[in-house]
Amino acid sequence: MNNLSKDDIPKLGRKINQLKKRISRSEISGKMEKVEFRKMRIKKIKNQIDEILKKKKNTRL
């Protein structure tokens, strides 16, 4: 995994929003085959954000 910094958090947040929009559009159209994969990607991105925040807290101590 590449090294992420605090500056990457807004970029990751935008990616989450994109994926959420795609999920809602696919639910409306009925194409559900990619929804689970997108939900998995959202969870993975959220975990990356949590990791970044943990690293930030540990460096303050």
N, C-alpha and C. Protein backbone atom coordinates (compact mmCIF):
# COMPACT_ATOMS: atom_id res chain seq x y z
N MET A 1 0.84 -1.18 0.00
CA MET A 1 0.00 0.00 0.00
C MET A 1 0.89 1.24 0.00
N ASN A 2 0.47 2.23 -0.75
CA ASN A 2 1.27 3.45 -0.82
C ASN A 2 1.10 4.28 0.44
N ASN A 3 2.05 5.17 0.67
CA ASN A 3 2.00 6.01 1.86
C ASN A 3 1.02 7.15 1.63
N LEU A 4 0.06 7.27 2.53
CA LEU A 4 -0.94 8.32 2.44
C LEU A 4 -0.67 9.33 3.54
N SER A 5 -1.00 10.57 3.26
CA SER A 5 -0.80 11.61 4.26
C SER A 5 -2.14 12.27 4.58
N LYS A 6 -2.10 13.20 5.52
CA LYS A 6 -3.30 13.91 5.93
C LYS A 6 -3.91 14.68 4.76
N ASP A 7 -3.08 15.10 3.81
CA ASP A 7 -3.55 15.87 2.67
C ASP A 7 -4.39 15.04 1.71
N ASP A 8 -4.31 13.72 1.81
CA ASP A 8 -5.06 12.84 0.91
C ASP A 8 -6.49 12.59 1.38
N ILE A 9 -6.84 13.00 2.58
CA ILE A 9 -8.17 12.74 3.13
C ILE A 9 -9.28 13.36 2.28
N PRO A 10 -9.19 14.64 1.86
CA PRO A 10 -10.27 15.18 1.02
C PRO A 10 -10.44 14.44 -0.30
N LYS A 11 -9.33 13.99 -0.88
CA LYS A 11 -9.39 13.25 -2.12
C LYS A 11 -10.13 11.92 -1.91
N LEU A 12 -9.84 11.26 -0.80
CA LEU A 12 -10.50 9.99 -0.49
C LEU A 12 -11.99 10.21 -0.21
N GLY A 13 -12.31 11.33 0.44
CA GLY A 13 -13.72 11.65 0.71
C GLY A 13 -14.50 11.86 -0.57
N ARG A 14 -13.88 12.53 -1.53
CA ARG A 14 -14.54 12.73 -2.83
C ARG A 14 -14.77 11.40 -3.53
N LYS A 15 -13.82 10.49 -3.40
CA LYS A 15 -13.95 9.16 -4.01
C LYS A 15 -15.12 8.40 -3.38
N ILE A 16 -15.27 8.51 -2.07
CA ILE A 16 -16.39 7.86 -1.38
C ILE A 16 -17.71 8.42 -1.91
N ASN A 17 -17.78 9.74 -2.05
CA ASN A 17 -19.02 10.35 -2.55
C ASN A 17 -19.33 9.90 -3.97
N GLN A 18 -18.30 9.78 -4.81
CA GLN A 18 -18.51 9.28 -6.17
C GLN A 18 -19.10 7.88 -6.15
N LEU A 19 -18.54 7.02 -5.32
CA LEU A 19 -19.01 5.64 -5.24
C LEU A 19 -20.45 5.59 -4.73
N LYS A 20 -20.79 6.44 -3.75
CA LYS A 20 -22.15 6.47 -3.24
C LYS A 20 -23.13 6.90 -4.32
N LYS A 21 -22.74 7.87 -5.14
CA LYS A 21 -23.62 8.31 -6.23
C LYS A 21 -23.82 7.19 -7.24
N ARG A 22 -22.75 6.46 -7.54
CA ARG A 22 -22.87 5.34 -8.48
C ARG A 22 -23.78 4.25 -7.93
N ILE A 23 -23.70 4.00 -6.62
CA ILE A 23 -24.55 3.00 -6.00
C ILE A 23 -26.01 3.42 -6.12
N SER A 24 -26.30 4.68 -5.81
CA SER A 24 -27.70 5.12 -5.87
C SER A 24 -28.23 5.09 -7.30
N ARG A 25 -27.40 5.46 -8.28
CA ARG A 25 -27.85 5.40 -9.67
C ARG A 25 -28.09 3.96 -10.11
N SER A 26 -27.23 3.04 -9.69
CA SER A 26 -27.40 1.65 -10.10
C SER A 26 -28.60 1.02 -9.41
N GLU A 27 -28.91 1.44 -8.18
CA GLU A 27 -30.09 0.92 -7.51
C GLU A 27 -31.36 1.37 -8.23
N ILE A 28 -31.34 2.59 -8.75
CA ILE A 28 -32.50 3.10 -9.49
C ILE A 28 -32.67 2.36 -10.81
N SER A 29 -31.57 2.14 -11.50
CA SER A 29 -31.64 1.49 -12.81
C SER A 29 -31.80 -0.02 -12.70
N GLY A 30 -31.49 -0.60 -11.55
CA GLY A 30 -31.66 -2.04 -11.35
C GLY A 30 -30.42 -2.86 -11.65
N LYS A 31 -29.30 -2.24 -11.98
CA LYS A 31 -28.07 -2.97 -12.26
C LYS A 31 -27.30 -3.15 -10.95
N MET A 32 -27.56 -4.26 -10.28
CA MET A 32 -27.03 -4.44 -8.93
C MET A 32 -25.73 -5.24 -8.87
N GLU A 33 -25.18 -5.65 -10.01
CA GLU A 33 -24.01 -6.52 -9.96
C GLU A 33 -22.76 -5.85 -9.40
N LYS A 34 -22.64 -4.55 -9.51
CA LYS A 34 -21.42 -3.87 -9.03
C LYS A 34 -21.60 -3.21 -7.66
N VAL A 35 -22.80 -3.24 -7.12
CA VAL A 35 -23.07 -2.52 -5.87
C VAL A 35 -22.23 -3.07 -4.72
N GLU A 36 -22.17 -4.38 -4.58
CA GLU A 36 -21.40 -4.97 -3.47
C GLU A 36 -19.92 -4.60 -3.56
N PHE A 37 -19.38 -4.60 -4.77
CA PHE A 37 -17.98 -4.24 -4.96
C PHE A 37 -17.76 -2.79 -4.55
N ARG A 38 -18.67 -1.90 -4.93
CA ARG A 38 -18.53 -0.48 -4.58
C ARG A 38 -18.64 -0.27 -3.08
N LYS A 39 -19.53 -1.01 -2.43
CA LYS A 39 -19.65 -0.90 -0.97
C LYS A 39 -18.36 -1.37 -0.30
N MET A 40 -17.76 -2.41 -0.86
CA MET A 40 -16.49 -2.92 -0.33
C MET A 40 -15.40 -1.86 -0.50
N ARG A 41 -15.38 -1.18 -1.63
CA ARG A 41 -14.38 -0.13 -1.87
C ARG A 41 -14.57 1.02 -0.88
N ILE A 42 -15.82 1.39 -0.61
CA ILE A 42 -16.09 2.47 0.36
C ILE A 42 -15.53 2.07 1.72
N LYS A 43 -15.77 0.83 2.14
CA LYS A 43 -15.27 0.36 3.44
C LYS A 43 -13.75 0.41 3.47
N LYS A 44 -13.10 0.02 2.38
CA LYS A 44 -11.64 0.02 2.31
C LYS A 44 -11.10 1.45 2.41
N ILE A 45 -11.74 2.39 1.72
CA ILE A 45 -11.30 3.79 1.76
C ILE A 45 -11.47 4.36 3.17
N LYS A 46 -12.59 4.03 3.83
CA LYS A 46 -12.81 4.50 5.19
C LYS A 46 -11.74 3.96 6.14
N ASN A 47 -11.33 2.71 5.93
CA ASN A 47 -10.26 2.14 6.74
C ASN A 47 -8.94 2.88 6.51
N GLN A 48 -8.69 3.27 5.26
CA GLN A 48 -7.47 4.04 4.96
C GLN A 48 -7.50 5.38 5.69
N ILE A 49 -8.66 6.04 5.70
CA ILE A 49 -8.78 7.33 6.38
C ILE A 49 -8.53 7.14 7.88
N ASP A 50 -9.10 6.09 8.47
CA ASP A 50 -8.87 5.80 9.89
C ASP A 50 -7.40 5.58 10.19
N GLU A 51 -6.70 4.87 9.29
CA GLU A 51 -5.27 4.63 9.47
C GLU A 51 -4.49 5.94 9.47
N ILE A 52 -4.84 6.83 8.54
CA ILE A 52 -4.15 8.12 8.46
C ILE A 52 -4.35 8.90 9.75
N LEU A 53 -5.59 8.91 10.26
CA LEU A 53 -5.87 9.65 11.49
C LEU A 53 -5.17 9.03 12.69
N LYS A 54 -5.07 7.70 12.73
CA LYS A 54 -4.35 7.05 13.84
C LYS A 54 -2.87 7.42 13.82
N LYS A 55 -2.28 7.42 12.63
CA LYS A 55 -0.86 7.79 12.50
C LYS A 55 -0.65 9.22 12.97
N LYS A 56 -1.60 10.09 12.62
CA LYS A 56 -1.50 11.50 13.00
C LYS A 56 -1.55 11.64 14.53
N LYS A 57 -2.44 10.90 15.18
CA LYS A 57 -2.56 10.96 16.63
C LYS A 57 -1.30 10.41 17.29
N ASN A 58 -0.74 9.33 16.75
CA ASN A 58 0.45 8.73 17.35
C ASN A 58 1.67 9.65 17.23
N THR A 59 1.76 10.42 16.19
CA THR A 59 2.90 11.31 16.04
C THR A 59 2.80 12.50 16.97
N ARG A 60 1.58 12.85 17.40
CA ARG A 60 1.42 13.97 18.34
C ARG A 60 1.89 13.61 19.73
N LEU A 61 1.74 12.35 20.11
CA LEU A 61 2.08 11.93 21.47
C LEU A 61 3.54 11.96 21.69
